Amino acid sequence: MEQKQTKSKQRISEHGEVFTNEREVNAMLDLVKIETERIESRFLEPACGNGNFLAEILRRKLKIVHLSYSKNIDDWEFYSILAISSMYGIELLEDNCIECRERLYKIWENAYREIGKETIDDECIKAAKFILERNILCGDALSLKDINNEPIIFSEWTALNNCLIKRRDFRLDEILEGKKPAIQLSLFEQEKNAGWVYDEDTKSYFPAPIKEYEPAYYKMLYGI
């Protein structure tokens, strides 16, 4: 059964809130099907509502995790955590934001219980919830400010191997509004340009993180 596209006439009037239906969500995601099935491919939904797009992306990613790693619970845990960490959402209305987090968590938890059965790990559950708290934020995607009128800060989660993940925090406004240095700097000149870092994959410069953390075991991310 498809979810309702509206919650109330008042919310439509005050916020223009209309949710995208399931058929349209799938049609749009099919346009980037390869990326939705790549576990580490990152998505940002700037007006995520209660998570229609992000929920379907997570289902697709977890399907790939299941097909690739269902024979080893540790591998399944790690790559499912990585799948969660690759999705980001901003939502203006706090109740939608909370609902989106809970919805994504439930999708992940149901898949975890199906594959893990008696081996469900509380630490892994805490890690999943912590990432969703960091990645699905209440704020305004136009002003790039959070619910407290502070700059939106997202955490980047990068897999280093099959058990360690590195976290780096970035200001969203700096990522979106930053400009590449006028002069291309070599890797050896980066120290002179401390506000920027060079990305080998894209061959371009990005704002430096506002904070970096030591690599952590994937089940212990909530402790950093």
Protein backbone atom coordinates (compact mmCIF):
# COMPACT_ATOMS: atom_id res chain seq x y z
CA MET A 1 0.00 0.00 0.00
CA GLU A 2 1.37 3.38 -0.97
CA GLN A 3 1.89 5.92 1.80
CA LYS A 4 -0.29 9.00 2.02
CA GLN A 5 1.15 11.99 0.16
CA THR A 6 -0.13 14.51 2.69
CA LYS A 7 -0.58 14.70 6.46
CA SER A 8 -2.98 17.63 6.72
CA LYS A 9 -4.31 20.60 4.77
CA GLN A 10 -2.73 22.90 7.34
CA ARG A 11 0.75 21.50 6.69
CA ILE A 12 0.21 21.87 2.95
CA SER A 13 -0.83 25.49 3.46
CA GLU A 14 1.95 26.40 5.89
CA HIS A 15 4.84 24.36 4.48
CA GLY A 16 3.79 23.10 1.04
CA GLU A 17 4.25 19.59 2.38
CA VAL A 18 3.39 16.92 -0.19
CA PHE A 19 5.27 13.61 -0.16
CA THR A 20 6.43 11.93 -3.36
CA ASN A 21 4.58 8.68 -3.93
CA GLU A 22 6.30 5.32 -4.18
CA ARG A 23 5.86 4.93 -7.93
CA GLU A 24 7.52 8.26 -8.66
CA VAL A 25 10.28 7.60 -6.14
CA ASN A 26 11.22 4.35 -7.84
CA ALA A 27 10.99 5.85 -11.33
CA MET A 28 13.35 8.68 -10.36
CA LEU A 29 15.81 6.40 -8.56
CA ASP A 30 15.86 4.05 -11.54
CA LEU A 31 17.44 6.90 -13.50
CA VAL A 32 20.51 6.48 -11.26
CA LYS A 33 20.02 2.77 -10.59
CA ILE A 34 23.72 1.91 -10.61
CA GLU A 35 24.45 4.45 -7.89
CA THR A 36 21.54 3.30 -5.71
CA GLU A 37 23.03 -0.19 -5.75
CA ARG A 38 26.55 0.92 -4.88
CA ILE A 39 26.94 0.55 -1.12
CA GLU A 40 29.25 3.54 -0.60
CA SER A 41 27.58 5.92 -3.07
CA ARG A 42 26.48 9.01 -1.10
CA PHE A 43 23.05 10.63 -1.38
CA LEU A 44 21.80 13.91 0.09
CA GLU A 45 18.06 14.64 0.14
CA PRO A 46 17.71 18.37 0.98
CA ALA A 47 14.00 18.11 1.79
CA CYS A 48 13.74 14.51 2.91
CA GLY A 49 10.32 14.65 4.56
CA ASN A 50 9.76 11.38 6.39
CA GLY A 51 12.18 9.56 4.12
CA ASN A 52 10.45 8.25 1.00
CA PHE A 53 13.55 8.52 -1.18
CA LEU A 54 16.07 7.57 1.49
CA ALA A 55 14.02 4.54 2.58
CA GLU A 56 14.00 3.13 -0.94
CA ILE A 57 17.71 3.82 -1.41
CA LEU A 58 18.46 1.99 1.83
CA ARG A 59 16.35 -1.00 0.75
CA ARG A 60 18.28 -1.19 -2.53
CA LYS A 61 21.63 -0.92 -0.82
CA LEU A 62 20.74 -3.54 1.80
CA LYS A 63 19.66 -5.89 -0.97
CA ILE A 64 23.18 -5.66 -2.40
CA VAL A 65 24.68 -6.14 1.08
CA HIS A 66 22.56 -9.26 1.52
CA LEU A 67 23.49 -10.69 -1.87
CA SER A 68 27.20 -10.07 -1.28
CA TYR A 69 27.74 -10.65 2.44
CA SER A 70 24.90 -12.73 3.91
CA LYS A 71 27.20 -15.69 4.59
CA ASN A 72 29.27 -13.74 7.12
CA ILE A 73 27.44 -11.77 9.81
CA ASP A 74 30.46 -9.55 10.57
CA ASP A 75 30.78 -8.54 6.93
CA TRP A 76 27.03 -7.97 6.70
CA GLU A 77 27.11 -5.72 9.75
CA PHE A 78 30.02 -3.68 8.46
CA TYR A 79 28.66 -3.09 4.97
CA SER A 80 25.13 -2.42 6.22
CA ILE A 81 26.55 0.23 8.55
CA LEU A 82 28.42 1.65 5.57
CA ALA A 83 25.17 1.73 3.60
CA ILE A 84 23.45 3.73 6.34
CA SER A 85 26.40 6.10 6.60
CA SER A 86 26.18 6.99 2.89
CA MET A 87 22.76 8.65 3.15
CA TYR A 88 22.04 12.19 4.31
CA GLY A 89 18.85 14.15 4.79
CA ILE A 90 17.76 17.65 5.80
CA GLU A 91 14.18 18.26 6.90
CA LEU A 92 12.55 21.50 8.02
CA LEU A 93 9.89 19.89 10.23
CA GLU A 94 11.19 18.15 13.34
CA ASP A 95 8.51 15.46 13.48
CA ASN A 96 9.32 14.42 9.92
CA CYS A 97 13.02 14.34 10.76
CA ILE A 98 12.45 12.04 13.73
CA GLU A 99 10.09 9.86 11.69
CA CYS A 100 12.67 9.59 8.90
CA ARG A 101 15.40 8.42 11.29
CA GLU A 102 13.08 5.88 12.88
CA ARG A 103 11.90 4.65 9.49
CA LEU A 104 15.43 4.11 8.18
CA TYR A 105 16.47 2.45 11.40
CA LYS A 106 13.51 0.06 11.27
CA ILE A 107 14.33 -0.95 7.69
CA TRP A 108 17.91 -1.68 8.74
CA GLU A 109 16.90 -3.43 11.97
CA ASN A 110 14.42 -5.72 10.22
CA ALA A 111 17.07 -6.72 7.68
CA TYR A 112 19.59 -7.23 10.49
CA ARG A 113 17.26 -9.44 12.52
CA GLU A 114 16.44 -11.47 9.44
CA ILE A 115 20.09 -12.17 8.73
CA GLY A 116 21.46 -12.20 12.28
CA LYS A 117 18.69 -13.94 14.20
CA GLU A 118 20.22 -14.75 17.62
CA THR A 119 23.47 -12.88 16.93
CA ILE A 120 22.08 -9.32 17.07
CA ASP A 121 24.72 -7.07 18.62
CA ASP A 122 23.64 -4.12 20.79
CA GLU A 123 26.84 -2.23 19.91
CA CYS A 124 26.04 -2.46 16.20
CA ILE A 125 22.53 -1.18 16.88
CA LYS A 126 23.94 1.79 18.80
CA ALA A 127 26.30 2.56 15.91
CA ALA A 128 23.44 2.53 13.39
CA LYS A 129 21.30 4.86 15.52
CA PHE A 130 24.23 7.22 16.10
CA ILE A 131 24.95 7.54 12.38
CA LEU A 132 21.31 8.30 11.63
CA GLU A 133 21.35 11.02 14.28
CA ARG A 134 24.38 12.56 12.57
CA ASN A 135 23.14 12.11 8.99
CA ILE A 136 19.43 13.00 9.17
CA LEU A 137 19.21 16.53 10.52
CA CYS A 138 16.45 19.02 11.20
CA GLY A 139 17.23 22.26 9.43
CA ASP A 140 16.71 24.48 6.41
CA ALA A 141 18.38 23.43 3.18
CA LEU A 142 18.03 26.99 1.82
CA SER A 143 19.77 28.78 4.68
CA LEU A 144 22.02 25.76 5.37
CA LYS A 145 21.30 26.24 9.08
CA ASP A 146 20.11 23.62 11.56
CA ILE A 147 17.20 23.83 14.00
CA ASN A 148 19.37 25.94 16.35
CA ASN A 149 20.26 28.36 13.52
CA GLU A 150 23.81 27.02 13.45
CA PRO A 151 25.59 25.90 10.26
CA ILE A 152 24.60 22.38 9.25
CA ILE A 153 27.46 19.99 9.94
CA PHE A 154 27.53 16.55 8.36
CA SER A 155 29.89 13.69 9.12
CA GLU A 156 31.66 11.87 6.31
CA TRP A 157 32.18 8.17 7.05
CA THR A 158 34.94 6.44 5.07
CA ALA A 159 35.75 2.73 5.19
CA LEU A 160 39.45 2.03 5.69
CA ASN A 161 39.14 -1.76 5.64
CA ASN A 162 36.49 -4.32 6.58
CA CYS A 163 36.21 -3.16 10.18
CA LEU A 164 37.50 0.43 10.55
CA ILE A 165 35.67 3.62 9.60
CA LYS A 166 37.06 7.16 9.70
CA ARG A 167 34.82 10.12 10.53
CA ARG A 168 35.40 13.68 9.33
CA ASP A 169 32.99 16.57 9.99
CA PHE A 170 32.27 19.23 7.36
CA ARG A 171 30.18 22.39 7.25
CA LEU A 172 27.64 21.94 4.48
CA ASP A 173 27.74 25.61 3.47
CA GLU A 174 31.49 25.40 2.89
CA ILE A 175 31.09 22.29 0.75
CA LEU A 176 28.32 23.78 -1.39
CA GLU A 177 29.51 27.38 -1.57
CA GLY A 178 33.25 26.89 -1.53
CA LYS A 179 35.30 27.65 -4.62
CA LYS A 180 38.33 25.95 -6.00
CA PRO A 181 41.60 27.87 -5.43
CA ALA A 182 42.48 30.14 -8.32
CA ILE A 183 45.89 28.47 -8.63
CA GLN A 184 46.06 24.68 -8.81
CA LEU A 185 48.31 23.49 -6.00
CA SER A 186 50.42 20.38 -6.04
CA LEU A 187 50.04 17.84 -3.26
CA PHE A 188 53.29 19.17 -1.78
CA GLU A 189 51.85 22.67 -1.49
CA GLN A 190 48.73 21.74 0.45
CA GLU A 191 50.20 22.84 3.79
CA LYS A 192 50.34 26.39 2.43
CA ASN A 193 46.64 26.12 1.62
CA ALA A 194 45.34 24.73 4.90
CA GLY A 195 41.72 25.58 4.19
CA TRP A 196 41.56 23.12 1.31
CA VAL A 197 42.30 19.45 0.73
CA TYR A 198 42.93 17.66 -2.54
CA ASP A 199 40.71 14.75 -3.51
CA GLU A 200 42.44 12.17 -5.70
CA ASP A 201 39.19 10.65 -6.96
CA THR A 202 37.76 13.88 -8.35
CA LYS A 203 41.12 15.60 -8.98
CA SER A 204 39.90 18.77 -7.29
CA TYR A 205 40.05 20.73 -4.04
CA PHE A 206 37.47 20.72 -1.26
CA PRO A 207 37.12 22.63 2.01
CA ALA A 208 39.07 21.00 4.82
CA PRO A 209 37.07 19.19 7.51
CA ILE A 210 36.34 21.18 10.65
CA LYS A 211 37.18 18.10 12.70
CA GLU A 212 38.76 14.70 12.12
CA TYR A 213 38.54 11.61 14.28
CA GLU A 214 40.80 8.62 14.69
CA PRO A 215 39.63 5.55 12.76
CA ALA A 216 37.22 3.51 14.86
CA TYR A 217 35.87 -0.01 14.88
CA TYR A 218 32.52 0.15 13.10
CA LYS A 219 30.55 -0.95 16.17
CA MET A 220 32.11 1.76 18.31
CA LEU A 221 31.44 4.83 16.19
CA TYR A 222 28.99 6.23 18.74
CA GLY A 223 31.83 6.50 21.22
CA ILE A 224 33.87 9.01 19.23
